[in-house]
């Protein structure tokens, strides 16, 4: 039964989420083109533009450009969410044009090789094809590789793990010089949110072990193994209900957001603020337990109101 008390609590959560979203995109946001190039920003928050690829090209310069993260001759893993046999308009996977833009920027910075993969939930061939990520990534020069066989994985110990002490991890996640994590922002029925830290479940073999144990703790534990060099959160189409797969395009709000940061906790906190403003989750970012644990483990920040955020509205 939906009582008055429950209604007021839900309304409070929505208003709090809207407030934090407002801190990301206040009414008087700057209309920015190519102004200064800096690297001291904690988070780049973009809205509008022609597409997420356009936003990425505009936004990365404010963290010092892709050359800050990718050096000449380095190998790069670009890790999207390709988990579901869905076409782009459903928002279940990372937008393919965003992946294309990131791959191209890696090569411009001097990358020797760029790899793309995900350990999918649905049939991997269908996911790769229908998400359009395989096509876009290959056309941009990336090597799109499978992750559907245990042969691709190696056992890694997780010294700082509280519950997750070891995992079978895709070789490329450990071997590539640079890891760029590119999740899509979505509601998730088990964790409330799926964003950058949860997206790393796509580089392990037995993710169902995480569900059998303590999912939030395992997400935070695994995040201590290797911190991605850069996180790019796709908020162009945001699934605000029935995640992580969704039922229809009615589960989507087209926010036209993109967030870029070297801090996975900060970027997930921004994502949580967006979902809270839509009423998709309750409370603030630290009410999402894996975000709170990660912050306590020193993996990043959750205090959006104190961060140096570059806001760009196109």
Protein backbone atom coordinates (compact mmCIF):
# COMPACT_ATOMS: atom_id res chain seq x y z
CA UNK A 1 0.00 0.00 0.00
CA UNK A 2 1.34 3.42 -1.01
CA UNK A 3 0.92 5.43 2.20
CA UNK A 4 1.32 9.16 2.73
CA UNK A 5 4.56 8.46 4.58
CA UNK A 6 5.95 6.51 1.62
CA UNK A 7 4.84 9.25 -0.76
CA UNK A 8 6.59 11.95 1.25
CA UNK A 9 9.76 9.87 1.48
CA UNK A 10 9.78 9.31 -2.29
CA UNK A 11 9.15 13.01 -2.91
CA UNK A 12 12.02 13.91 -0.57
CA UNK A 13 14.37 11.58 -2.45
CA UNK A 14 13.36 13.02 -5.82
CA UNK A 15 13.87 16.59 -4.60
CA UNK A 16 17.28 15.72 -3.12
CA UNK A 17 18.30 14.07 -6.37
CA UNK A 18 17.08 17.06 -8.34
CA UNK A 19 19.15 19.35 -6.11
CA UNK A 20 22.32 17.37 -6.77
CA UNK A 21 21.56 17.27 -10.49
CA UNK A 22 21.14 21.05 -10.33
CA UNK A 23 24.65 21.30 -8.87
CA UNK A 24 25.85 19.54 -12.02
CA UNK A 25 23.79 21.61 -14.45
CA UNK A 26 22.66 24.91 -12.88
CA UNK A 27 20.47 27.23 -14.93
CA UNK A 28 23.39 29.55 -15.64
CA UNK A 29 25.75 26.89 -16.98
CA UNK A 30 28.48 28.12 -19.26
CA UNK A 31 28.07 27.83 -22.99
CA UNK A 32 31.56 26.59 -23.68
CA UNK A 33 33.46 25.88 -26.86
CA UNK A 34 37.24 25.40 -26.75
CA UNK A 35 38.25 27.66 -23.88
CA UNK A 36 41.01 26.67 -21.48
CA UNK A 37 42.67 23.27 -21.37
CA UNK A 38 43.11 22.10 -17.78
CA UNK A 39 43.56 18.86 -15.93
CA UNK A 40 42.67 19.81 -12.37
CA UNK A 41 38.93 19.26 -12.75
CA UNK A 42 37.50 16.38 -10.72
CA UNK A 43 34.61 15.85 -13.09
CA UNK A 44 33.47 17.08 -16.49
CA UNK A 45 29.67 17.25 -16.80
CA UNK A 46 28.24 17.88 -20.26
CA UNK A 47 24.72 18.25 -21.60
CA UNK A 48 23.26 18.67 -25.09
CA UNK A 49 25.22 18.79 -28.31
CA UNK A 50 24.85 16.62 -31.37
CA UNK A 51 25.45 13.34 -29.57
CA UNK A 52 27.61 11.65 -26.92
CA UNK A 53 30.52 11.51 -29.38
CA UNK A 54 30.34 15.29 -29.78
CA UNK A 55 30.22 15.74 -26.00
CA UNK A 56 33.24 13.49 -25.49
CA UNK A 57 35.38 15.34 -28.01
CA UNK A 58 34.47 18.64 -26.35
CA UNK A 59 34.87 17.39 -22.79
CA UNK A 60 38.12 15.43 -22.82
CA UNK A 61 40.19 18.58 -23.44
CA UNK A 62 39.25 19.85 -19.97
CA UNK A 63 41.09 16.90 -18.42
CA UNK A 64 44.20 17.61 -20.45
CA UNK A 65 43.19 15.74 -23.60
CA UNK A 66 43.43 12.05 -24.37
CA UNK A 67 47.22 12.42 -24.46
CA UNK A 68 47.15 12.73 -20.68
CA UNK A 69 45.86 9.16 -20.43
CA UNK A 70 47.21 7.43 -23.56
CA UNK A 71 50.87 7.67 -24.58
CA UNK A 72 52.48 6.74 -27.89
CA UNK A 73 52.82 2.99 -28.35
CA UNK A 74 50.51 2.00 -25.50
CA UNK A 75 47.78 -0.64 -25.73
CA UNK A 76 44.31 0.43 -24.61
CA UNK A 77 41.21 -1.41 -23.45
CA UNK A 78 37.98 0.49 -24.04
CA UNK A 79 35.38 -1.32 -21.91
CA UNK A 80 31.76 -0.53 -22.80
CA UNK A 81 28.56 -2.16 -21.58
CA UNK A 82 27.51 -4.57 -24.36
CA UNK A 83 25.62 -6.89 -22.03
CA UNK A 84 22.27 -7.02 -23.76
CA UNK A 85 20.86 -7.98 -27.15
CA UNK A 86 19.36 -4.55 -27.65
CA UNK A 87 19.63 -1.85 -30.30
CA UNK A 88 20.90 1.59 -29.22
CA UNK A 89 17.52 3.30 -28.76
CA UNK A 90 16.76 1.07 -25.73
CA UNK A 91 19.68 2.48 -23.73
CA UNK A 92 20.69 -0.94 -22.41
CA UNK A 93 24.22 -0.71 -23.80
CA UNK A 94 26.78 2.06 -24.22
CA UNK A 95 26.08 4.27 -27.22
CA UNK A 96 28.12 2.95 -30.18
CA UNK A 97 29.03 6.39 -31.53
CA UNK A 98 30.60 7.23 -28.16
CA UNK A 99 32.79 4.12 -28.37
CA UNK A 100 33.81 5.10 -31.89
CA UNK A 101 34.83 8.59 -30.74
CA UNK A 102 36.88 7.27 -27.82
CA UNK A 103 38.69 4.70 -29.99
CA UNK A 104 39.58 7.39 -32.53
CA UNK A 105 40.90 9.70 -29.81
CA UNK A 106 43.07 6.87 -28.46
CA UNK A 107 44.69 6.39 -31.86
CA UNK A 108 45.15 10.14 -32.26
CA UNK A 109 47.03 10.10 -28.95
CA UNK A 110 49.36 7.41 -30.29
CA UNK A 111 47.85 4.13 -29.11
CA UNK A 112 49.37 1.09 -30.79
CA UNK A 113 46.29 -1.10 -30.30
CA UNK A 114 42.80 -0.53 -28.96
CA UNK A 115 40.68 -3.45 -27.77
CA UNK A 116 36.95 -3.60 -27.06
CA UNK A 117 35.06 -6.40 -25.31
CA UNK A 118 32.41 -7.25 -22.73
CA UNK A 119 31.37 -10.48 -21.04
CA UNK A 120 27.76 -10.28 -22.12
CA UNK A 121 24.60 -11.52 -20.42
CA UNK A 122 22.72 -12.33 -23.64
CA UNK A 123 24.34 -14.17 -26.57
CA UNK A 124 27.63 -12.37 -27.20
CA UNK A 125 27.46 -12.39 -30.99
CA UNK A 126 23.96 -10.89 -30.97
CA UNK A 127 24.94 -8.31 -28.35
CA UNK A 128 28.04 -7.24 -30.26
CA UNK A 129 26.08 -6.96 -33.53
CA UNK A 130 22.77 -5.43 -32.46
CA UNK A 131 24.30 -2.92 -30.05
CA UNK A 132 26.20 -1.59 -33.11
CA UNK A 133 29.30 -1.41 -30.92
CA UNK A 134 31.23 -4.07 -32.84
CA UNK A 135 30.61 -2.32 -36.16
CA UNK A 136 31.47 1.16 -34.88
CA UNK A 137 34.54 0.03 -32.94
CA UNK A 138 35.97 -1.96 -35.87
CA UNK A 139 35.31 0.88 -38.30
CA UNK A 140 37.34 3.11 -35.98
CA UNK A 141 40.29 0.70 -35.95
CA UNK A 142 39.69 -1.22 -32.71
CA UNK A 143 40.09 -4.96 -32.25
CA UNK A 144 36.78 -6.31 -30.97
CA UNK A 145 37.44 -9.53 -29.08
CA UNK A 146 35.18 -12.11 -27.40
CA UNK A 147 34.89 -12.80 -23.69
CA UNK A 148 32.64 -15.87 -23.79
CA UNK A 149 35.27 -18.53 -23.02
CA UNK A 150 37.06 -19.26 -19.76
CA UNK A 151 40.27 -19.50 -21.80
CA UNK A 152 40.39 -15.70 -22.02
CA UNK A 153 40.64 -15.32 -18.24
CA UNK A 154 43.42 -15.55 -15.68
CA UNK A 155 43.17 -15.90 -11.91
CA UNK A 156 44.04 -12.74 -10.01
CA UNK A 157 44.20 -12.30 -6.25
CA UNK A 158 42.51 -9.26 -4.75
CA UNK A 159 44.61 -8.40 -1.67
CA UNK A 160 42.30 -5.62 -0.47
CA UNK A 161 39.12 -7.61 -1.00
CA UNK A 162 36.95 -8.17 2.04
CA UNK A 163 34.63 -10.75 0.49
CA UNK A 164 36.04 -11.17 -3.02
CA UNK A 165 39.56 -12.54 -2.51
CA UNK A 166 40.25 -13.62 -6.09
CA UNK A 167 38.62 -13.61 -9.50
CA UNK A 168 39.05 -14.93 -13.02
CA UNK A 169 39.77 -11.74 -14.95
CA UNK A 170 39.95 -11.20 -18.70
CA UNK A 171 43.61 -11.08 -19.70
CA UNK A 172 43.28 -7.79 -21.55
CA UNK A 173 42.02 -6.00 -18.44
CA UNK A 174 45.28 -6.82 -16.72
CA UNK A 175 47.64 -6.67 -19.71
CA UNK A 176 46.63 -3.48 -21.51
CA UNK A 177 48.62 -0.39 -20.58
CA UNK A 178 45.50 1.77 -20.30
CA UNK A 179 41.92 0.96 -19.31
CA UNK A 180 39.08 3.29 -20.26
CA UNK A 181 35.78 2.32 -18.64
CA UNK A 182 32.73 3.42 -20.66
CA UNK A 183 29.47 2.33 -18.99
CA UNK A 184 25.95 3.47 -19.73
CA UNK A 185 24.00 4.91 -16.81
CA UNK A 186 21.02 2.75 -15.83
CA UNK A 187 18.71 1.73 -13.05
CA UNK A 188 19.52 -1.74 -11.75
CA UNK A 189 17.06 -3.98 -9.92
CA UNK A 190 19.73 -5.43 -7.58
CA UNK A 191 22.06 -2.50 -6.89
CA UNK A 192 19.92 0.54 -7.69
CA UNK A 193 22.47 1.84 -10.18
CA UNK A 194 24.80 0.42 -12.77
CA UNK A 195 27.60 2.77 -13.77
CA UNK A 196 31.41 2.60 -13.84
CA UNK A 197 32.25 0.29 -10.95
CA UNK A 198 29.53 -2.23 -11.71
CA UNK A 199 30.49 -2.19 -15.40
CA UNK A 200 33.70 -3.99 -14.42
CA UNK A 201 31.63 -7.11 -13.81
CA UNK A 202 31.99 -7.48 -17.57
CA UNK A 203 35.71 -8.29 -17.25
CA UNK A 204 35.26 -11.26 -14.89
CA UNK A 205 34.22 -14.81 -15.70
CA UNK A 206 31.95 -15.79 -12.78
CA UNK A 207 29.99 -12.66 -11.98
CA UNK A 208 27.20 -14.80 -10.53
CA UNK A 209 29.55 -15.57 -7.63
CA UNK A 210 29.25 -11.88 -6.74
CA UNK A 211 25.49 -12.23 -6.54
CA UNK A 212 25.80 -15.32 -4.36
CA UNK A 213 28.08 -13.49 -1.94
CA UNK A 214 27.57 -9.79 -1.24
CA UNK A 215 27.10 -7.98 -4.56
CA UNK A 216 27.81 -4.45 -3.32
CA UNK A 217 30.89 -5.54 -1.39
CA UNK A 218 32.21 -7.57 -4.34
CA UNK A 219 31.81 -4.59 -6.68
CA UNK A 220 33.80 -2.42 -4.26
CA UNK A 221 36.36 -5.17 -3.64
CA UNK A 222 37.04 -5.70 -7.34
CA UNK A 223 37.48 -1.97 -7.83
CA UNK A 224 40.63 -2.21 -5.70
CA UNK A 225 42.32 -4.59 -8.18
CA UNK A 226 42.91 -2.10 -10.97
CA UNK A 227 41.49 1.39 -11.12
CA UNK A 228 40.62 2.43 -14.69
CA UNK A 229 42.71 5.29 -16.00
CA UNK A 230 39.63 7.12 -17.28
CA UNK A 231 35.88 6.73 -16.85
CA UNK A 232 33.30 8.03 -19.32
CA UNK A 233 29.67 7.67 -18.22
CA UNK A 234 27.12 7.64 -21.03
CA UNK A 235 24.02 9.49 -19.86
CA UNK A 236 22.63 10.34 -23.29
CA UNK A 237 19.77 7.86 -22.88
CA UNK A 238 19.23 6.87 -19.25
CA UNK A 239 17.22 3.80 -18.26
CA UNK A 240 15.31 4.94 -15.18
CA UNK A 241 13.26 1.78 -14.57
CA UNK A 242 13.28 -1.96 -15.31
CA UNK A 243 17.05 -2.06 -15.49
CA UNK A 244 19.47 -3.42 -16.36
CA UNK A 245 17.85 -4.82 -19.55
CA UNK A 246 14.68 -2.76 -19.81
CA UNK A 247 11.41 -3.64 -21.49
CA UNK A 248 10.83 -0.81 -23.93
CA UNK A 249 11.94 2.68 -24.88
CA UNK A 250 9.43 4.00 -22.32
CA UNK A 251 12.00 3.02 -19.67
CA UNK A 252 14.32 5.71 -21.06
CA UNK A 253 14.72 9.42 -20.42
CA UNK A 254 16.83 11.19 -23.01
CA UNK A 255 18.87 13.43 -20.73
CA UNK A 256 21.71 14.02 -23.21
CA UNK A 257 24.34 13.90 -20.44
CA UNK A 258 27.95 12.77 -20.47
CA UNK A 259 30.33 12.61 -17.51
CA UNK A 260 34.11 12.24 -17.74
CA UNK A 261 36.48 11.69 -14.80
CA UNK A 262 39.53 9.80 -13.64
CA UNK A 263 37.58 9.13 -10.41
CA UNK A 264 35.13 6.20 -10.69
CA UNK A 265 33.48 7.02 -7.38
CA UNK A 266 32.86 10.64 -8.36
CA UNK A 267 31.40 9.65 -11.71
CA UNK A 268 29.14 7.05 -10.10
CA UNK A 269 28.01 9.66 -7.58
CA UNK A 270 27.03 11.94 -10.46
CA UNK A 271 25.12 9.07 -12.03
CA UNK A 272 23.35 8.37 -8.75
CA UNK A 273 22.27 12.02 -8.58
CA UNK A 274 20.70 11.74 -12.03
CA UNK A 275 18.83 8.55 -11.15
CA UNK A 276 17.67 10.03 -7.84
CA UNK A 277 16.28 13.08 -9.65
CA UNK A 278 14.19 10.70 -11.78
CA UNK A 279 12.94 8.82 -8.73
CA UNK A 280 14.75 5.69 -9.91
CA UNK A 281 16.69 5.27 -6.66
CA UNK A 282 16.21 6.44 -3.09
CA UNK A 283 18.52 8.84 -1.33
CA UNK A 284 21.99 10.10 -2.15
CA UNK A 285 25.02 8.42 -3.69
CA UNK A 286 26.27 7.04 -0.37
CA UNK A 287 22.97 5.22 0.05
CA UNK A 288 24.25 3.00 -2.78
CA UNK A 289 26.39 0.72 -0.67
CA UNK A 290 29.17 -0.10 -3.16
CA UNK A 291 29.69 3.62 -3.76
CA UNK A 292 29.97 4.23 -0.03
CA UNK A 293 32.38 1.31 0.47
CA UNK A 294 34.55 2.46 -2.44
CA UNK A 295 34.76 5.95 -0.96
CA UNK A 296 35.71 4.46 2.42
CA UNK A 297 38.40 2.40 0.66
CA UNK A 298 39.94 5.59 -0.70
CA UNK A 299 38.99 4.92 -4.32
CA UNK A 300 37.39 8.31 -4.88
CA UNK A 301 35.03 11.02 -3.70
CA UNK A 302 31.27 11.37 -3.32
CA UNK A 303 31.04 15.02 -2.25
CA UNK A 304 29.78 16.54 -5.51
CA UNK A 305 29.11 19.89 -3.86
CA UNK A 306 32.83 20.26 -3.02
CA UNK A 307 34.29 18.99 -6.31
CA UNK A 308 35.84 21.14 -9.00
CA UNK A 309 33.31 20.37 -11.74
CA UNK A 310 33.51 21.74 -15.27
CA UNK A 311 29.92 22.16 -16.47
CA UNK A 312 29.30 22.47 -20.19
CA UNK A 313 25.84 22.94 -21.67
CA UNK A 314 25.73 23.02 -25.44
